[in-house]
Amino acid sequence: MVDSIRKSSGFQNDLQKYTQIINKLPEGQDKIDMNKLLSTLIHEVKKMDDLHDEFIYNKQMSSLGTEFREKIQGIRRQLENKVKETQNLNKTV
């Protein structure tokens, strides 16, 4: 069976990076928003992994995979934008 996305080293490295950045943020709306985005990302990747396992089990493919990939990419973009915003705020303070 193919390795899951959530167990991949790339995804684990991203999770670690985002977690470290979030932990360094002061309490506030940015921290809350980024924690929600990270939780959503983890949830969506799990759904994608589960869907992929189902495809393999049933020997079929679906356009749902594309939907999940696009949603995951959007969440990652939002997280990256938030990271940049918070880093810019820290530079000006």
PDB file of N, CA and C in Angstrom:
ATOM      1  N   MET A   1       0.840  -1.172   0.000  1.00  0.00           N
ATOM      2  CA  MET A   1       0.000   0.000   0.000  1.00  0.00           C
ATOM      3  C   MET A   1       0.890   1.241   0.000  1.00  0.00           C
ATOM      4  N   VAL A   2       0.396   2.307  -0.600  1.00  0.00           N
ATOM      5  CA  VAL A   2       1.114   3.568  -0.697  1.00  0.00           C
ATOM      6  C   VAL A   2       1.071   4.275   0.662  1.00  0.00           C
ATOM      7  N   ASP A   3       2.201   4.935   1.011  1.00  0.00           N
ATOM      8  CA  ASP A   3       2.251   5.676   2.267  1.00  0.00           C
ATOM      9  C   ASP A   3       1.234   6.801   2.274  1.00  0.00           C
ATOM     10  N   SER A   4       0.728   7.101   3.443  1.00  0.00           N
ATOM     11  CA  SER A   4      -0.246   8.176   3.557  1.00  0.00           C
ATOM     12  C   SER A   4       0.462   9.533   3.558  1.00  0.00           C
ATOM     13  N   ILE A   5      -0.297  10.551   3.194  1.00  0.00           N
ATOM     14  CA  ILE A   5       0.242  11.907   3.160  1.00  0.00           C
ATOM     15  C   ILE A   5       0.635  12.336   4.566  1.00  0.00           C
ATOM     16  N   ARG A   6      -0.237  12.071   5.523  1.00  0.00           N
ATOM     17  CA  ARG A   6       0.016  12.577   6.878  1.00  0.00           C
ATOM     18  C   ARG A   6       1.231  11.938   7.536  1.00  0.00           C
ATOM     19  N   LYS A   7       1.678  10.789   7.031  1.00  0.00           N
ATOM     20  CA  LYS A   7       2.873  10.156   7.578  1.00  0.00           C
ATOM     21  C   LYS A   7       4.135  10.545   6.813  1.00  0.00           C
ATOM     22  N   SER A   8       3.985  11.258   5.715  1.00  0.00           N
ATOM     23  CA  SER A   8       5.143  11.626   4.901  1.00  0.00           C
ATOM     24  C   SER A   8       6.038  12.615   5.648  1.00  0.00           C
ATOM     25  N   SER A   9       7.312  12.555   5.365  1.00  0.00           N
ATOM     26  CA  SER A   9       8.257  13.452   6.042  1.00  0.00           C
ATOM     27  C   SER A   9       7.986  14.913   5.687  1.00  0.00           C
ATOM     28  N   GLY A  10       7.582  15.172   4.459  1.00  0.00           N
ATOM     29  CA  GLY A  10       7.274  16.544   4.048  1.00  0.00           C
ATOM     30  C   GLY A  10       6.129  17.130   4.853  1.00  0.00           C
ATOM     31  N   PHE A  11       5.061  16.363   5.005  1.00  0.00           N
ATOM     32  CA  PHE A  11       3.915  16.843   5.767  1.00  0.00           C
ATOM     33  C   PHE A  11       4.272  16.989   7.242  1.00  0.00           C
ATOM     34  N   GLN A  12       4.991  16.026   7.782  1.00  0.00           N
ATOM     35  CA  GLN A  12       5.397  16.098   9.185  1.00  0.00           C
ATOM     36  C   GLN A  12       6.301  17.313   9.437  1.00  0.00           C
ATOM     37  N   ASN A  13       7.193  17.606   8.486  1.00  0.00           N
ATOM     38  CA  ASN A  13       8.049  18.796   8.612  1.00  0.00           C
ATOM     39  C   ASN A  13       7.222  20.071   8.588  1.00  0.00           C
ATOM     40  N   ASP A  14       6.222  20.129   7.696  1.00  0.00           N
ATOM     41  CA  ASP A  14       5.344  21.294   7.638  1.00  0.00           C
ATOM     42  C   ASP A  14       4.575  21.461   8.949  1.00  0.00           C
ATOM     43  N   LEU A  15       4.051  20.358   9.478  1.00  0.00           N
ATOM     44  CA  LEU A  15       3.326  20.432  10.746  1.00  0.00           C
ATOM     45  C   LEU A  15       4.212  20.964  11.864  1.00  0.00           C
ATOM     46  N   GLN A  16       5.431  20.464  11.899  1.00  0.00           N
ATOM     47  CA  GLN A  16       6.370  20.919  12.922  1.00  0.00           C
ATOM     48  C   GLN A  16       6.671  22.410  12.757  1.00  0.00           C
ATOM     49  N   LYS A  17       6.883  22.846  11.522  1.00  0.00           N
ATOM     50  CA  LYS A  17       7.170  24.257  11.245  1.00  0.00           C
ATOM     51  C   LYS A  17       6.006  25.134  11.689  1.00  0.00           C
ATOM     52  N   TYR A  18       4.793  24.777  11.257  1.00  0.00           N
ATOM     53  CA  TYR A  18       3.621  25.577  11.615  1.00  0.00           C
ATOM     54  C   TYR A  18       3.393  25.592  13.131  1.00  0.00           C
ATOM     55  N   THR A  19       3.563  24.449  13.768  1.00  0.00           N
ATOM     56  CA  THR A  19       3.363  24.360  15.217  1.00  0.00           C
ATOM     57  C   THR A  19       4.351  25.255  15.956  1.00  0.00           C
ATOM     58  N   GLN A  20       5.607  25.240  15.530  1.00  0.00           N
ATOM     59  CA  GLN A  20       6.615  26.087  16.178  1.00  0.00           C
ATOM     60  C   GLN A  20       6.282  27.567  16.001  1.00  0.00           C
ATOM     61  N   ILE A  21       5.873  27.940  14.812  1.00  0.00           N
ATOM     62  CA  ILE A  21       5.525  29.339  14.553  1.00  0.00           C
ATOM     63  C   ILE A  21       4.317  29.746  15.398  1.00  0.00           C
ATOM     64  N   ILE A  22       3.303  28.902  15.425  1.00  0.00           N
ATOM     65  CA  ILE A  22       2.091  29.198  16.191  1.00  0.00           C
ATOM     66  C   ILE A  22       2.411  29.310  17.677  1.00  0.00           C
ATOM     67  N   ASN A  23       3.235  28.411  18.184  1.00  0.00           N
ATOM     68  CA  ASN A  23       3.579  28.438  19.607  1.00  0.00           C
ATOM     69  C   ASN A  23       4.313  29.709  20.011  1.00  0.00           C
ATOM     70  N   LYS A  24       5.024  30.321  19.081  1.00  0.00           N
ATOM     71  CA  LYS A  24       5.768  31.543  19.378  1.00  0.00           C
ATOM     72  C   LYS A  24       4.900  32.796  19.335  1.00  0.00           C
ATOM     73  N   LEU A  25       3.700  32.668  18.758  1.00  0.00           N
ATOM     74  CA  LEU A  25       2.804  33.823  18.648  1.00  0.00           C
ATOM     75  C   LEU A  25       2.214  34.179  20.005  1.00  0.00           C
ATOM     76  N   PRO A  26       2.003  35.467  20.231  1.00  0.00           N
ATOM     77  CA  PRO A  26       1.298  35.862  21.459  1.00  0.00           C
ATOM     78  C   PRO A  26      -0.164  35.443  21.359  1.00  0.00           C
ATOM     79  N   GLU A  27      -0.798  35.279  22.520  1.00  0.00           N
ATOM     80  CA  GLU A  27      -2.215  34.927  22.525  1.00  0.00           C
ATOM     81  C   GLU A  27      -2.989  36.008  21.775  1.00  0.00           C
ATOM     82  N   GLY A  28      -3.918  35.587  20.967  1.00  0.00           N
ATOM     83  CA  GLY A  28      -4.718  36.543  20.218  1.00  0.00           C
ATOM     84  C   GLY A  28      -5.380  35.892  19.028  1.00  0.00           C
ATOM     85  N   GLN A  29      -6.015  36.716  18.199  1.00  0.00           N
ATOM     86  CA  GLN A  29      -6.790  36.214  17.066  1.00  0.00           C
ATOM     87  C   GLN A  29      -5.924  35.512  16.025  1.00  0.00           C
ATOM     88  N   ASP A  30      -4.710  36.033  15.767  1.00  0.00           N
ATOM     89  CA  ASP A  30      -3.837  35.378  14.790  1.00  0.00           C
ATOM     90  C   ASP A  30      -3.509  33.951  15.218  1.00  0.00           C
ATOM     91  N   LYS A  31      -3.207  33.765  16.486  1.00  0.00           N
ATOM     92  CA  LYS A  31      -2.884  32.431  16.989  1.00  0.00           C
ATOM     93  C   LYS A  31      -4.096  31.507  16.885  1.00  0.00           C
ATOM     94  N   ILE A  32      -5.260  32.028  17.232  1.00  0.00           N
ATOM     95  CA  ILE A  32      -6.495  31.240  17.146  1.00  0.00           C
ATOM     96  C   ILE A  32      -6.771  30.852  15.695  1.00  0.00           C
ATOM     97  N   ASP A  33      -6.663  31.818  14.784  1.00  0.00           N
ATOM     98  CA  ASP A  33      -6.919  31.555  13.364  1.00  0.00           C
ATOM     99  C   ASP A  33      -5.948  30.523  12.809  1.00  0.00           C
ATOM    100  N   MET A  34      -4.681  30.655  13.146  1.00  0.00           N
ATOM    101  CA  MET A  34      -3.693  29.715  12.614  1.00  0.00           C
ATOM    102  C   MET A  34      -3.872  28.321  13.195  1.00  0.00           C
ATOM    103  N   ASN A  35      -4.254  28.223  14.468  1.00  0.00           N
ATOM    104  CA  ASN A  35      -4.535  26.911  15.053  1.00  0.00           C
ATOM    105  C   ASN A  35      -5.724  26.251  14.369  1.00  0.00           C
ATOM    106  N   LYS A  36      -6.751  27.044  14.051  1.00  0.00           N
ATOM    107  CA  LYS A  36      -7.913  26.504  13.333  1.00  0.00           C
ATOM    108  C   LYS A  36      -7.521  26.017  11.947  1.00  0.00           C
ATOM    109  N   LEU A  37      -6.714  26.830  11.247  1.00  0.00           N
ATOM    110  CA  LEU A  37      -6.258  26.426   9.911  1.00  0.00           C
ATOM    111  C   LEU A  37      -5.435  25.148   9.973  1.00  0.00           C
ATOM    112  N   LEU A  38      -4.556  25.049  10.955  1.00  0.00           N
ATOM    113  CA  LEU A  38      -3.731  23.854  11.086  1.00  0.00           C
ATOM    114  C   LEU A  38      -4.596  22.625  11.385  1.00  0.00           C
ATOM    115  N   SER A  39      -5.569  22.774  12.259  1.00  0.00           N
ATOM    116  CA  SER A  39      -6.487  21.664  12.558  1.00  0.00           C
ATOM    117  C   SER A  39      -7.273  21.249  11.316  1.00  0.00           C
ATOM    118  N   THR A  40      -7.709  22.243  10.550  1.00  0.00           N
ATOM    119  CA  THR A  40      -8.453  21.962   9.319  1.00  0.00           C
ATOM    120  C   THR A  40      -7.558  21.247   8.312  1.00  0.00           C
ATOM    121  N   LEU A  41      -6.315  21.695   8.199  1.00  0.00           N
ATOM    122  CA  LEU A  41      -5.368  21.045   7.293  1.00  0.00           C
ATOM    123  C   LEU A  41      -5.186  19.577   7.667  1.00  0.00           C
ATOM    124  N   ILE A  42      -4.957  19.314   8.932  1.00  0.00           N
ATOM    125  CA  ILE A  42      -4.767  17.934   9.400  1.00  0.00           C
ATOM    126  C   ILE A  42      -6.010  17.100   9.091  1.00  0.00           C
ATOM    127  N   HIS A  43      -7.179  17.653   9.347  1.00  0.00           N
ATOM    128  CA  HIS A  43      -8.437  16.945   9.094  1.00  0.00           C
ATOM    129  C   HIS A  43      -8.609  16.635   7.602  1.00  0.00           C
ATOM    130  N   GLU A  44      -8.323  17.615   6.747  1.00  0.00           N
ATOM    131  CA  GLU A  44      -8.485  17.424   5.302  1.00  0.00           C
ATOM    132  C   GLU A  44      -7.487  16.403   4.756  1.00  0.00           C
ATOM    133  N   VAL A  45      -6.269  16.441   5.259  1.00  0.00           N
ATOM    134  CA  VAL A  45      -5.269  15.458   4.814  1.00  0.00           C
ATOM    135  C   VAL A  45      -5.690  14.058   5.242  1.00  0.00           C
ATOM    136  N   LYS A  46      -6.234  13.936   6.446  1.00  0.00           N
ATOM    137  CA  LYS A  46      -6.729  12.628   6.895  1.00  0.00           C
ATOM    138  C   LYS A  46      -7.852  12.139   5.977  1.00  0.00           C
ATOM    139  N   LYS A  47      -8.767  13.043   5.617  1.00  0.00           N
ATOM    140  CA  LYS A  47      -9.849  12.655   4.713  1.00  0.00           C
ATOM    141  C   LYS A  47      -9.292  12.215   3.359  1.00  0.00           C
ATOM    142  N   MET A  48      -8.277  12.934   2.871  1.00  0.00           N
ATOM    143  CA  MET A  48      -7.662  12.580   1.589  1.00  0.00           C
ATOM    144  C   MET A  48      -7.010  11.201   1.678  1.00  0.00           C
ATOM    145  N   ASP A  49      -6.305  10.945   2.772  1.00  0.00           N
ATOM    146  CA  ASP A  49      -5.681   9.632   2.963  1.00  0.00           C
ATOM    147  C   ASP A  49      -6.738   8.530   3.007  1.00  0.00           C
ATOM    148  N   ASP A  50      -7.817   8.777   3.739  1.00  0.00           N
ATOM    149  CA  ASP A  50      -8.887   7.781   3.841  1.00  0.00           C
ATOM    150  C   ASP A  50      -9.520   7.517   2.475  1.00  0.00           C
ATOM    151  N   LEU A  51      -9.728   8.587   1.710  1.00  0.00           N
ATOM    152  CA  LEU A  51     -10.303   8.449   0.371  1.00  0.00           C
ATOM    153  C   LEU A  51      -9.367   7.646  -0.531  1.00  0.00           C
ATOM    154  N   HIS A  52      -8.077   7.942  -0.432  1.00  0.00           N
ATOM    155  CA  HIS A  52      -7.093   7.216  -1.239  1.00  0.00           C
ATOM    156  C   HIS A  52      -7.105   5.730  -0.889  1.00  0.00           C
ATOM    157  N   ASP A  53      -7.175   5.426   0.404  1.00  0.00           N
ATOM    158  CA  ASP A  53      -7.246   4.021   0.826  1.00  0.00           C
ATOM    159  C   ASP A  53      -8.487   3.347   0.258  1.00  0.00           C
ATOM    160  N   GLU A  54      -9.598   4.077   0.247  1.00  0.00           N
ATOM    161  CA  GLU A  54     -10.835   3.530  -0.299  1.00  0.00           C
ATOM    162  C   GLU A  54     -10.708   3.276  -1.804  1.00  0.00           C
ATOM    163  N   PHE A  55     -10.051   4.206  -2.515  1.00  0.00           N
ATOM    164  CA  PHE A  55      -9.827   4.016  -3.950  1.00  0.00           C
ATOM    165  C   PHE A  55      -9.049   2.730  -4.202  1.00  0.00           C
ATOM    166  N   ILE A  56      -8.011   2.543  -3.425  1.00  0.00           N
ATOM    167  CA  ILE A  56      -7.180   1.350  -3.602  1.00  0.00           C
ATOM    168  C   ILE A  56      -7.988   0.095  -3.297  1.00  0.00           C
ATOM    169  N   TYR A  57      -8.730   0.130  -2.206  1.00  0.00           N
ATOM    170  CA  TYR A  57      -9.526  -1.026  -1.798  1.00  0.00           C
ATOM    171  C   TYR A  57     -10.573  -1.371  -2.854  1.00  0.00           C
ATOM    172  N   ASN A  58     -11.228  -0.355  -3.392  1.00  0.00           N
ATOM    173  CA  ASN A  58     -12.295  -0.581  -4.370  1.00  0.00           C
ATOM    174  C   ASN A  58     -11.803  -0.554  -5.813  1.00  0.00           C
ATOM    175  N   LYS A  59     -10.510  -0.310  -6.003  1.00  0.00           N
ATOM    176  CA  LYS A  59      -9.893  -0.264  -7.328  1.00  0.00           C
ATOM    177  C   LYS A  59     -10.625   0.702  -8.253  1.00  0.00           C
ATOM    178  N   GLN A  60     -10.842   1.914  -7.754  1.00  0.00           N
ATOM    179  CA  GLN A  60     -11.503   2.932  -8.556  1.00  0.00           C
ATOM    180  C   GLN A  60     -10.874   4.290  -8.284  1.00  0.00           C
ATOM    181  N   MET A  61     -11.131   5.206  -9.169  1.00  0.00           N
ATOM    182  CA  MET A  61     -10.641   6.571  -8.998  1.00  0.00           C
ATOM    183  C   MET A  61     -11.846   7.506  -9.065  1.00  0.00           C
ATOM    184  N   SER A  62     -11.666   8.705  -8.524  1.00  0.00           N
ATOM    185  CA  SER A  62     -12.764   9.655  -8.496  1.00  0.00           C
ATOM    186  C   SER A  62     -12.230  11.073  -8.593  1.00  0.00           C
ATOM    187  N   SER A  63     -13.077  11.991  -9.019  1.00  0.00           N
ATOM    188  CA  SER A  63     -12.690  13.399  -9.076  1.00  0.00           C
ATOM    189  C   SER A  63     -12.668  14.015  -7.686  1.00  0.00           C
ATOM    190  N   LEU A  64     -13.155  13.293  -6.692  1.00  0.00           N
ATOM    191  CA  LEU A  64     -13.116  13.795  -5.319  1.00  0.00           C
ATOM    192  C   LEU A  64     -11.686  14.065  -4.865  1.00  0.00           C
ATOM    193  N   GLY A  65     -10.752  13.280  -5.340  1.00  0.00           N
ATOM    194  CA  GLY A  65      -9.351  13.475  -4.983  1.00  0.00           C
ATOM    195  C   GLY A  65      -8.876  14.863  -5.360  1.00  0.00           C
ATOM    196  N   THR A  66      -9.296  15.341  -6.514  1.00  0.00           N
ATOM    197  CA  THR A  66      -8.922  16.678  -6.967  1.00  0.00           C
ATOM    198  C   THR A  66      -9.501  17.735  -6.036  1.00  0.00           C
ATOM    199  N   GLU A  67     -10.741  17.552  -5.628  1.00  0.00           N
ATOM    200  CA  GLU A  67     -11.378  18.488  -4.690  1.00  0.00           C
ATOM    201  C   GLU A  67     -10.590  18.582  -3.392  1.00  0.00           C
ATOM    202  N   PHE A  68     -10.213  17.441  -2.838  1.00  0.00           N
ATOM    203  CA  PHE A  68      -9.460  17.424  -1.588  1.00  0.00           C
ATOM    204  C   PHE A  68      -8.103  18.090  -1.755  1.00  0.00           C
ATOM    205  N   ARG A  69      -7.431  17.781  -2.862  1.00  0.00           N
ATOM    206  CA  ARG A  69      -6.105  18.392  -3.101  1.00  0.00           C
ATOM    207  C   ARG A  69      -6.212  19.907  -3.177  1.00  0.00           C
ATOM    208  N   GLU A  70      -7.216  20.404  -3.879  1.00  0.00           N
ATOM    209  CA  GLU A  70      -7.397  21.851  -4.008  1.00  0.00           C
ATOM    210  C   GLU A  70      -7.709  22.486  -2.661  1.00  0.00           C
ATOM    211  N   LYS A  71      -8.522  21.832  -1.862  1.00  0.00           N
ATOM    212  CA  LYS A  71      -8.860  22.355  -0.540  1.00  0.00           C
ATOM    213  C   LYS A  71      -7.612  22.387   0.352  1.00  0.00           C
ATOM    214  N   ILE A  72      -6.825  21.325   0.312  1.00  0.00           N
ATOM    215  CA  ILE A  72      -5.594  21.259   1.104  1.00  0.00           C
ATOM    216  C   ILE A  72      -4.627  22.347   0.659  1.00  0.00           C
ATOM    217  N   GLN A  73      -4.480  22.536  -0.640  1.00  0.00           N
ATOM    218  CA  GLN A  73      -3.597  23.584  -1.151  1.00  0.00           C
ATOM    219  C   GLN A  73      -4.056  24.962  -0.693  1.00  0.00           C
ATOM    220  N   GLY A  74      -5.357  25.195  -0.697  1.00  0.00           N
ATOM    221  CA  GLY A  74      -5.899  26.477  -0.248  1.00  0.00           C
ATOM    222  C   GLY A  74      -5.613  26.734   1.223  1.00  0.00           C
ATOM    223  N   ILE A  75      -5.767  25.702   2.042  1.00  0.00           N
ATOM    224  CA  ILE A  75      -5.493  25.843   3.469  1.00  0.00           C
ATOM    225  C   ILE A  75      -4.015  26.122   3.696  1.00  0.00           C
ATOM    226  N   ARG A  76      -3.151  25.416   2.975  1.00  0.00           N
ATOM    227  CA  ARG A  76      -1.707  25.661   3.103  1.00  0.00           C
ATOM    228  C   ARG A  76      -1.357  27.091   2.699  1.00  0.00           C
ATOM    229  N   ARG A  77      -1.987  27.586   1.627  1.00  0.00           N
ATOM    230  CA  ARG A  77      -1.741  28.974   1.200  1.00  0.00           C
ATOM    231  C   ARG A  77      -2.141  29.951   2.302  1.00  0.00           C
ATOM    232  N   GLN A  78      -3.296  29.697   2.905  1.00  0.00           N
ATOM    233  CA  GLN A  78      -3.757  30.562   3.990  1.00  0.00           C
ATOM    234  C   GLN A  78      -2.781  30.545   5.162  1.00  0.00           C
ATOM    235  N   LEU A  79      -2.296  29.352   5.506  1.00  0.00           N
ATOM    236  CA  LEU A  79      -1.319  29.250   6.593  1.00  0.00           C
ATOM    237  C   LEU A  79      -0.036  30.005   6.255  1.00  0.00           C
ATOM    238  N   GLU A  80       0.452  29.832   5.042  1.00  0.00           N
ATOM    239  CA  GLU A  80       1.681  30.519   4.626  1.00  0.00           C
ATOM    240  C   GLU A  80       1.487  32.035   4.647  1.00  0.00           C
ATOM    241  N   ASN A  81       0.321  32.506   4.203  1.00  0.00           N
ATOM    242  CA  ASN A  81       0.038  33.944   4.235  1.00  0.00           C
ATOM    243  C   ASN A  81       0.010  34.461   5.668  1.00  0.00           C
ATOM    244  N   LYS A  82      -0.607  33.695   6.573  1.00  0.00           N
ATOM    245  CA  LYS A  82      -0.648  34.086   7.980  1.00  0.00           C
ATOM    246  C   LYS A  82       0.761  34.122   8.568  1.00  0.00           C
ATOM    247  N   VAL A  83       1.582  33.136   8.202  1.00  0.00           N
ATOM    248  CA  VAL A  83       2.973  33.110   8.686  1.00  0.00           C
ATOM    249  C   VAL A  83       3.686  34.372   8.236  1.00  0.00           C
ATOM    250  N   LYS A  84       3.548  34.727   6.970  1.00  0.00           N
ATOM    251  CA  LYS A  84       4.198  35.932   6.442  1.00  0.00           C
ATOM    252  C   LYS A  84       3.684  37.182   7.141  1.00  0.00           C
ATOM    253  N   GLU A  85       2.360  37.248   7.351  1.00  0.00           N
ATOM    254  CA  GLU A  85       1.776  38.411   8.031  1.00  0.00           C
ATOM    255  C   GLU A  85       2.337  38.569   9.436  1.00  0.00           C
ATOM    256  N   THR A  86       2.390  37.466  10.179  1.00  0.00           N
ATOM    257  CA  THR A  86       2.869  37.555  11.556  1.00  0.00           C
ATOM    258  C   THR A  86       4.360  37.857  11.608  1.00  0.00           C
ATOM    259  N   GLN A  87       5.114  37.358  10.645  1.00  0.00           N
ATOM    260  CA  GLN A  87       6.545  37.664  10.611  1.00  0.00           C
ATOM    261  C   GLN A  87       6.757  39.139  10.264  1.00  0.00           C
ATOM    262  N   ASN A  88       5.949  39.682   9.370  1.00  0.00           N
ATOM    263  CA  ASN A  88       6.054  41.099   9.032  1.00  0.00           C
ATOM    264  C   ASN A  88       5.671  41.974  10.215  1.00  0.00           C
ATOM    265  N   LEU A  89       4.662  41.569  10.962  1.00  0.00           N
ATOM    266  CA  LEU A  89       4.252  42.323  12.145  1.00  0.00           C
ATOM    267  C   LEU A  89       5.366  42.331  13.185  1.00  0.00           C
ATOM    268  N   ASN A  90       6.034  41.185  13.358  1.00  0.00           N
ATOM    269  CA  ASN A  90       7.111  41.088  14.333  1.00  0.00           C
ATOM    270  C   ASN A  90       8.309  41.942  13.948  1.00  0.00           C
ATOM    271  N   LYS A  91       8.528  42.119  12.646  1.00  0.00           N
ATOM    272  CA  LYS A  91       9.645  42.934  12.175  1.00  0.00           C
ATOM    273  C   LYS A  91       9.397  44.417  12.425  1.00  0.00           C
ATOM    274  N   THR A  92       8.134  44.825  12.337  1.00  0.00           N
ATOM    275  CA  THR A  92       7.819  46.245  12.508  1.00  0.00           C
ATOM    276  C   THR A  92       7.702  46.635  13.971  1.00  0.00           C
ATOM    277  N   VAL A  93       7.544  45.666  14.843  1.00  0.00           N
ATOM    278  CA  VAL A  93       7.374  45.961  16.277  1.00  0.00           C
ATOM    279  C   VAL A  93       8.700  46.082  16.946  1.00  0.00           C
TER     280      VAL A  93
END
